[in-house]
Structures are given as structure tokens and as C-alpha cells.
Amino acid sequence: MVLIRKDRAGSDSYGHTWGEDGAVVDVAPEHAADLLEIPDGGFHEAEPVDEPEPVTTGLVDLEALAAQVAAEKAAAAATPDVEPEADLAGLAARKASTEPETSDPAPEVEPETPKPRGRGGSRKTA
């Protein structure tokens, strides 16, 4: 395996991920050779140092992810279930109790159309 440093956080087409700028990832030698050949790719071979630098595989830690999912499921199981219909009924009741009462407005009455009067009416012909 070869230590590869990437100038900018990101990933490669082999599935390795650099979580932050300047991170170092342990990469297979054939992958490292391909990455180092990319012009302006920002990949550099990292030299081992006396103080160990955090090195990751660049892959997802499945055990940590499984533990996180289990914790979220446990938290969800501890939350009481509420039926959606019951919750909506409760919401409507709370809303009705907080709204001021208003009287129903009077129904609108359409004005009557006046009938024509006078000489302009219809003529009788005999």
C-alpha cells in the first residue's frame, strides 16, 4: 500500500475518499500510480513521518455506521407512536379552541333586475 495525499478533499474513481484538504489515504500501488499520473490532480505520495498521521482506508466504517443506525432505531422505538388520524384530530381541536368565534356572515342577496317600463316594451300586432 502507498500513502497518497490529496490537496483538496474529495474522492477518486477507485472509491477512496479524502475527507479534508491534505488528507492521506492508504492506496493500492496500481491505483497510486494512476492517481500520480493525473496532471493537476493534486495527488502526491506522502512520506511516513515519525509521528503517525491519521491514515484512513478512504472507505466507510461499516461497524460505526451499523452502531449509529442501531442507536437511531432504539431512539425511534422509545418514541411513542401516534396515529396520524388521531394527531390530525387533535390538531383540529387545538386550532378550533384557539381561534376566536365568529358569527356566520349573512348570505348574499342578489338584487332583483327591474323589468322595463314604458314605451319601449313589446308591441302587440294584430
N, C-alpha and C. Protein backbone atom coordinates (compact mmCIF):
# COMPACT_ATOMS: atom_id res chain seq x y z
N MET A 1 0.84 -1.18 0.00
CA MET A 1 0.00 0.00 0.00
C MET A 1 0.89 1.25 0.00
N VAL A 2 0.35 2.30 -0.60
CA VAL A 2 1.09 3.56 -0.75
C VAL A 2 0.26 4.68 -0.12
N LEU A 3 0.93 5.55 0.63
CA LEU A 3 0.25 6.69 1.23
C LEU A 3 0.15 7.80 0.18
N ILE A 4 -1.08 8.23 -0.10
CA ILE A 4 -1.32 9.28 -1.09
C ILE A 4 -2.01 10.45 -0.40
N ARG A 5 -1.42 11.64 -0.58
CA ARG A 5 -2.02 12.88 -0.05
C ARG A 5 -2.73 13.57 -1.20
N LYS A 6 -3.92 14.12 -0.90
CA LYS A 6 -4.69 14.86 -1.92
C LYS A 6 -4.82 16.30 -1.44
N ASP A 7 -4.50 17.24 -2.34
CA ASP A 7 -4.54 18.66 -1.97
C ASP A 7 -5.92 19.11 -1.52
N ARG A 8 -6.95 18.64 -2.21
CA ARG A 8 -8.33 19.04 -1.91
C ARG A 8 -9.13 17.82 -1.48
N ALA A 9 -10.04 18.01 -0.55
CA ALA A 9 -10.92 16.92 -0.12
C ALA A 9 -11.70 16.41 -1.33
N GLY A 10 -11.98 15.13 -1.36
CA GLY A 10 -12.74 14.56 -2.47
C GLY A 10 -12.54 13.06 -2.54
N SER A 11 -12.82 12.50 -3.70
CA SER A 11 -12.70 11.06 -3.88
C SER A 11 -12.12 10.77 -5.25
N ASP A 12 -11.77 9.49 -5.45
CA ASP A 12 -11.28 9.07 -6.75
C ASP A 12 -12.21 8.01 -7.33
N SER A 13 -11.93 7.58 -8.54
CA SER A 13 -12.81 6.61 -9.20
C SER A 13 -12.63 5.20 -8.64
N TYR A 14 -11.65 4.99 -7.76
CA TYR A 14 -11.46 3.68 -7.16
C TYR A 14 -12.24 3.53 -5.85
N GLY A 15 -12.89 4.60 -5.40
CA GLY A 15 -13.69 4.54 -4.17
C GLY A 15 -12.99 5.07 -2.94
N HIS A 16 -11.78 5.62 -3.09
CA HIS A 16 -11.08 6.21 -1.94
C HIS A 16 -11.60 7.63 -1.70
N THR A 17 -11.68 8.02 -0.43
CA THR A 17 -12.18 9.35 -0.09
C THR A 17 -11.19 10.06 0.81
N TRP A 18 -10.90 11.31 0.47
CA TRP A 18 -10.07 12.18 1.29
C TRP A 18 -11.04 13.16 1.94
N GLY A 19 -11.26 13.03 3.25
CA GLY A 19 -12.27 13.78 3.96
C GLY A 19 -11.99 15.25 4.13
N GLU A 20 -10.73 15.65 4.02
CA GLU A 20 -10.39 17.06 4.19
C GLU A 20 -9.18 17.38 3.32
N ASP A 21 -8.96 18.66 3.08
CA ASP A 21 -7.80 19.08 2.29
C ASP A 21 -6.52 18.55 2.94
N GLY A 22 -5.65 17.96 2.13
CA GLY A 22 -4.36 17.48 2.63
C GLY A 22 -4.42 16.14 3.34
N ALA A 23 -5.55 15.46 3.32
CA ALA A 23 -5.67 14.17 3.99
C ALA A 23 -4.81 13.12 3.28
N VAL A 24 -4.45 12.07 4.02
CA VAL A 24 -3.63 10.99 3.49
C VAL A 24 -4.43 9.70 3.55
N VAL A 25 -4.40 8.94 2.44
CA VAL A 25 -5.14 7.69 2.36
C VAL A 25 -4.19 6.60 1.88
N ASP A 26 -4.36 5.41 2.43
CA ASP A 26 -3.58 4.24 2.03
C ASP A 26 -4.21 3.66 0.76
N VAL A 27 -3.46 3.62 -0.35
CA VAL A 27 -4.00 3.25 -1.66
C VAL A 27 -3.16 2.10 -2.22
N ALA A 28 -3.80 1.21 -2.97
CA ALA A 28 -3.09 0.11 -3.63
C ALA A 28 -2.06 0.69 -4.59
N PRO A 29 -0.90 0.03 -4.76
CA PRO A 29 0.17 0.58 -5.61
C PRO A 29 -0.27 0.89 -7.04
N GLU A 30 -1.08 0.02 -7.66
CA GLU A 30 -1.51 0.29 -9.04
C GLU A 30 -2.45 1.51 -9.11
N HIS A 31 -3.26 1.71 -8.07
CA HIS A 31 -4.13 2.89 -8.02
C HIS A 31 -3.29 4.15 -7.80
N ALA A 32 -2.31 4.03 -6.93
CA ALA A 32 -1.44 5.18 -6.63
C ALA A 32 -0.73 5.64 -7.90
N ALA A 33 -0.23 4.69 -8.69
CA ALA A 33 0.47 5.05 -9.92
C ALA A 33 -0.46 5.81 -10.86
N ASP A 34 -1.70 5.35 -10.99
CA ASP A 34 -2.66 6.04 -11.86
C ASP A 34 -2.97 7.45 -11.34
N LEU A 35 -3.16 7.58 -10.03
CA LEU A 35 -3.50 8.88 -9.45
C LEU A 35 -2.36 9.89 -9.60
N LEU A 36 -1.14 9.42 -9.41
CA LEU A 36 0.02 10.31 -9.51
C LEU A 36 0.27 10.79 -10.93
N GLU A 37 -0.26 10.07 -11.92
CA GLU A 37 -0.08 10.47 -13.32
C GLU A 37 -1.07 11.54 -13.77
N ILE A 38 -2.10 11.81 -12.97
CA ILE A 38 -3.11 12.80 -13.36
C ILE A 38 -2.51 14.20 -13.27
N PRO A 39 -2.44 14.91 -14.42
CA PRO A 39 -1.88 16.27 -14.35
C PRO A 39 -2.82 17.18 -13.55
N ASP A 40 -2.26 17.96 -12.67
CA ASP A 40 -3.02 18.88 -11.81
C ASP A 40 -4.11 18.16 -11.02
N GLY A 41 -3.89 16.89 -10.70
CA GLY A 41 -4.87 16.13 -9.93
C GLY A 41 -4.78 16.41 -8.44
N GLY A 42 -3.64 16.95 -8.00
CA GLY A 42 -3.48 17.26 -6.58
C GLY A 42 -3.10 16.05 -5.74
N PHE A 43 -2.66 14.96 -6.39
CA PHE A 43 -2.24 13.76 -5.67
C PHE A 43 -0.73 13.75 -5.52
N HIS A 44 -0.26 13.41 -4.32
CA HIS A 44 1.17 13.34 -4.05
C HIS A 44 1.43 12.14 -3.15
N GLU A 45 2.59 11.53 -3.34
CA GLU A 45 2.96 10.43 -2.44
C GLU A 45 3.37 11.05 -1.11
N ALA A 46 2.81 10.53 -0.04
CA ALA A 46 3.12 11.05 1.30
C ALA A 46 4.20 10.19 1.93
N GLU A 47 5.15 10.84 2.55
CA GLU A 47 6.23 10.13 3.23
C GLU A 47 5.79 9.81 4.65
N PRO A 48 6.07 8.60 5.10
CA PRO A 48 5.77 8.29 6.51
C PRO A 48 6.57 9.22 7.42
N VAL A 49 5.97 9.64 8.50
CA VAL A 49 6.63 10.54 9.45
C VAL A 49 6.77 9.82 10.78
N ASP A 50 7.63 10.39 11.64
CA ASP A 50 7.85 9.77 12.95
C ASP A 50 6.56 9.72 13.76
N GLU A 51 5.83 10.86 13.76
CA GLU A 51 4.54 10.88 14.44
C GLU A 51 3.51 10.36 13.46
N PRO A 52 2.80 9.33 13.83
CA PRO A 52 1.84 8.78 12.88
C PRO A 52 0.74 9.77 12.54
N GLU A 53 0.55 9.96 11.27
CA GLU A 53 -0.50 10.83 10.77
C GLU A 53 -1.75 9.97 10.63
N PRO A 54 -2.93 10.53 10.91
CA PRO A 54 -4.13 9.69 10.76
C PRO A 54 -4.24 9.21 9.31
N VAL A 55 -4.30 7.91 9.17
CA VAL A 55 -4.43 7.30 7.85
C VAL A 55 -5.74 6.54 7.84
N THR A 56 -6.53 6.75 6.79
CA THR A 56 -7.79 6.04 6.66
C THR A 56 -7.75 5.20 5.40
N THR A 57 -8.65 4.30 5.30
CA THR A 57 -8.75 3.49 4.09
C THR A 57 -9.53 4.25 3.03
N GLY A 58 -10.18 5.35 3.43
CA GLY A 58 -10.99 6.10 2.48
C GLY A 58 -12.33 5.45 2.23
N LEU A 59 -12.61 4.40 2.97
CA LEU A 59 -13.88 3.68 2.81
C LEU A 59 -14.73 3.89 4.04
N VAL A 60 -16.02 3.61 3.94
CA VAL A 60 -16.96 3.80 5.04
C VAL A 60 -16.71 2.74 6.12
N ASP A 61 -16.69 3.18 7.37
CA ASP A 61 -16.56 2.25 8.50
C ASP A 61 -17.93 1.65 8.76
N LEU A 62 -18.12 0.42 8.28
CA LEU A 62 -19.44 -0.21 8.36
C LEU A 62 -19.86 -0.50 9.80
N GLU A 63 -18.91 -0.83 10.66
CA GLU A 63 -19.27 -1.10 12.06
C GLU A 63 -19.77 0.16 12.75
N ALA A 64 -19.11 1.28 12.51
CA ALA A 64 -19.55 2.55 13.11
C ALA A 64 -20.91 2.95 12.54
N LEU A 65 -21.11 2.73 11.24
CA LEU A 65 -22.39 3.06 10.62
C LEU A 65 -23.50 2.17 11.19
N ALA A 66 -23.23 0.88 11.37
CA ALA A 66 -24.23 -0.03 11.95
C ALA A 66 -24.58 0.39 13.37
N ALA A 67 -23.59 0.81 14.15
CA ALA A 67 -23.85 1.25 15.53
C ALA A 67 -24.71 2.52 15.53
N GLN A 68 -24.45 3.43 14.59
CA GLN A 68 -25.24 4.65 14.51
C GLN A 68 -26.69 4.34 14.14
N VAL A 69 -26.89 3.44 13.18
CA VAL A 69 -28.24 3.06 12.76
C VAL A 69 -28.97 2.39 13.92
N ALA A 70 -28.29 1.50 14.65
CA ALA A 70 -28.92 0.83 15.79
C ALA A 70 -29.35 1.84 16.85
N ALA A 71 -28.50 2.85 17.11
CA ALA A 71 -28.84 3.87 18.10
C ALA A 71 -30.05 4.68 17.64
N GLU A 72 -30.12 5.01 16.36
CA GLU A 72 -31.27 5.75 15.84
C GLU A 72 -32.55 4.93 15.92
N LYS A 73 -32.45 3.62 15.64
CA LYS A 73 -33.63 2.76 15.74
C LYS A 73 -34.10 2.65 17.19
N ALA A 74 -33.16 2.55 18.13
CA ALA A 74 -33.52 2.48 19.54
C ALA A 74 -34.21 3.76 19.99
N ALA A 75 -33.71 4.90 19.53
CA ALA A 75 -34.32 6.17 19.89
C ALA A 75 -35.72 6.28 19.29
N ALA A 76 -35.89 5.78 18.07
CA ALA A 76 -37.21 5.82 17.43
C ALA A 76 -38.18 4.89 18.14
N ALA A 77 -37.70 3.75 18.63
CA ALA A 77 -38.56 2.79 19.33
C ALA A 77 -39.01 3.37 20.67
N ALA A 78 -38.20 4.21 21.26
CA ALA A 78 -38.56 4.81 22.55
C ALA A 78 -39.59 5.92 22.41
N THR A 79 -39.78 6.42 21.21
CA THR A 79 -40.75 7.48 20.95
C THR A 79 -42.12 6.85 20.78
N PRO A 80 -43.15 7.33 21.53
CA PRO A 80 -44.48 6.72 21.38
C PRO A 80 -45.03 6.96 19.98
N ASP A 81 -45.70 5.92 19.49
CA ASP A 81 -46.32 6.04 18.17
C ASP A 81 -47.62 6.83 18.29
N VAL A 82 -47.87 7.68 17.34
CA VAL A 82 -49.09 8.47 17.29
C VAL A 82 -49.76 8.17 15.97
N GLU A 83 -51.02 7.79 16.03
CA GLU A 83 -51.76 7.52 14.80
C GLU A 83 -51.95 8.84 14.06
N PRO A 84 -51.71 8.86 12.77
CA PRO A 84 -51.85 10.12 12.02
C PRO A 84 -53.24 10.72 12.13
N GLU A 85 -54.29 9.87 12.09
CA GLU A 85 -55.65 10.39 12.17
C GLU A 85 -55.89 11.04 13.53
N ALA A 86 -55.40 10.40 14.59
CA ALA A 86 -55.58 10.95 15.93
C ALA A 86 -54.82 12.27 16.07
N ASP A 87 -53.66 12.32 15.49
CA ASP A 87 -52.87 13.54 15.58
C ASP A 87 -53.56 14.68 14.83
N LEU A 88 -54.13 14.39 13.66
CA LEU A 88 -54.83 15.43 12.90
C LEU A 88 -56.08 15.89 13.63
N ALA A 89 -56.80 14.94 14.27
CA ALA A 89 -57.99 15.32 15.02
C ALA A 89 -57.60 16.22 16.20
N GLY A 90 -56.51 15.87 16.87
CA GLY A 90 -56.04 16.69 17.99
C GLY A 90 -55.62 18.06 17.53
N LEU A 91 -54.98 18.13 16.39
CA LEU A 91 -54.56 19.42 15.83
C LEU A 91 -55.77 20.28 15.50
N ALA A 92 -56.79 19.68 14.90
CA ALA A 92 -58.00 20.43 14.56
C ALA A 92 -58.69 20.94 15.82
N ALA A 93 -58.73 20.10 16.87
CA ALA A 93 -59.37 20.52 18.12
C ALA A 93 -58.59 21.67 18.76
N ARG A 94 -57.26 21.58 18.75
CA ARG A 94 -56.47 22.66 19.33
C ARG A 94 -56.63 23.95 18.54
N LYS A 95 -56.68 23.82 17.23
CA LYS A 95 -56.82 25.00 16.38
C LYS A 95 -58.18 25.65 16.62
N ALA A 96 -59.24 24.84 16.72
CA ALA A 96 -60.57 25.38 16.94
C ALA A 96 -60.67 26.07 18.29
N SER A 97 -59.98 25.53 19.31
CA SER A 97 -60.07 26.14 20.65
C SER A 97 -59.28 27.44 20.73
N THR A 98 -58.33 27.66 19.85
CA THR A 98 -57.54 28.88 19.91
C THR A 98 -58.05 29.97 18.98
N GLU A 99 -58.92 29.63 18.05
CA GLU A 99 -59.45 30.63 17.12
C GLU A 99 -60.63 31.34 17.75
N PRO A 100 -60.74 32.66 17.58
CA PRO A 100 -61.90 33.38 18.13
C PRO A 100 -63.16 32.98 17.36
N GLU A 101 -64.26 32.96 18.13
CA GLU A 101 -65.52 32.59 17.50
C GLU A 101 -66.00 33.75 16.64
N THR A 102 -66.50 33.44 15.48
CA THR A 102 -67.05 34.46 14.59
C THR A 102 -68.43 34.00 14.18
N SER A 103 -69.31 34.99 14.00
CA SER A 103 -70.65 34.62 13.55
C SER A 103 -70.62 34.44 12.04
N ASP A 104 -71.51 33.60 11.56
CA ASP A 104 -71.58 33.37 10.13
C ASP A 104 -72.05 34.64 9.45
N PRO A 105 -71.43 35.03 8.36
CA PRO A 105 -71.87 36.24 7.67
C PRO A 105 -73.24 36.00 7.03
N ALA A 106 -74.00 37.08 6.91
CA ALA A 106 -75.33 36.96 6.30
C ALA A 106 -75.17 36.54 4.85
N PRO A 107 -76.09 35.69 4.37
CA PRO A 107 -75.96 35.24 2.99
C PRO A 107 -76.17 36.43 2.05
N GLU A 108 -75.46 36.42 0.95
CA GLU A 108 -75.59 37.50 -0.02
C GLU A 108 -76.91 37.36 -0.76
N VAL A 109 -77.60 38.49 -0.92
CA VAL A 109 -78.86 38.50 -1.64
C VAL A 109 -78.62 39.23 -2.95
N GLU A 110 -78.98 38.56 -4.03
CA GLU A 110 -78.78 39.19 -5.32
C GLU A 110 -79.89 40.19 -5.57
N PRO A 111 -79.56 41.39 -6.04
CA PRO A 111 -80.60 42.38 -6.30
C PRO A 111 -81.46 41.94 -7.48
N GLU A 112 -82.74 42.29 -7.37
CA GLU A 112 -83.66 41.93 -8.46
C GLU A 112 -83.41 42.85 -9.63
N THR A 113 -83.51 42.29 -10.81
CA THR A 113 -83.34 43.08 -12.02
C THR A 113 -84.68 43.74 -12.33
N PRO A 114 -84.71 45.06 -12.47
CA PRO A 114 -86.00 45.72 -12.73
C PRO A 114 -86.50 45.38 -14.14
N LYS A 115 -87.82 45.27 -14.25
CA LYS A 115 -88.43 44.98 -15.54
C LYS A 115 -88.59 46.29 -16.30
N PRO A 116 -88.40 46.27 -17.62
CA PRO A 116 -88.54 47.51 -18.38
C PRO A 116 -89.95 48.05 -18.31
N ARG A 117 -90.05 49.36 -18.20
CA ARG A 117 -91.35 50.02 -18.17
C ARG A 117 -91.43 51.04 -19.28
N GLY A 118 -92.60 51.40 -19.57
CA GLY A 118 -92.77 52.49 -20.50
C GLY A 118 -92.98 52.03 -21.93
N ARG A 119 -92.65 52.89 -22.84
CA ARG A 119 -92.94 52.69 -24.25
C ARG A 119 -92.02 51.70 -24.93
N GLY A 120 -90.96 51.39 -24.40
CA GLY A 120 -90.01 50.53 -25.06
C GLY A 120 -90.37 49.06 -24.96
N GLY A 121 -91.54 48.72 -24.43
CA GLY A 121 -91.92 47.33 -24.24
C GLY A 121 -92.28 46.66 -25.55
N SER A 122 -92.73 45.47 -25.48
CA SER A 122 -93.08 44.73 -26.67
C SER A 122 -94.42 45.22 -27.21
N ARG A 123 -94.62 45.18 -28.53
CA ARG A 123 -95.84 45.62 -29.16
C ARG A 123 -96.70 44.44 -29.54
N LYS A 124 -97.94 44.70 -29.46
CA LYS A 124 -98.89 43.67 -29.91
C LYS A 124 -99.23 43.98 -31.36
N THR A 125 -99.20 43.00 -32.16
CA THR A 125 -99.59 43.21 -33.56
C THR A 125 -100.81 42.37 -33.83
N ALA A 126 -101.73 42.94 -34.60
CA ALA A 126 -102.97 42.21 -34.83
C ALA A 126 -103.07 41.70 -36.21
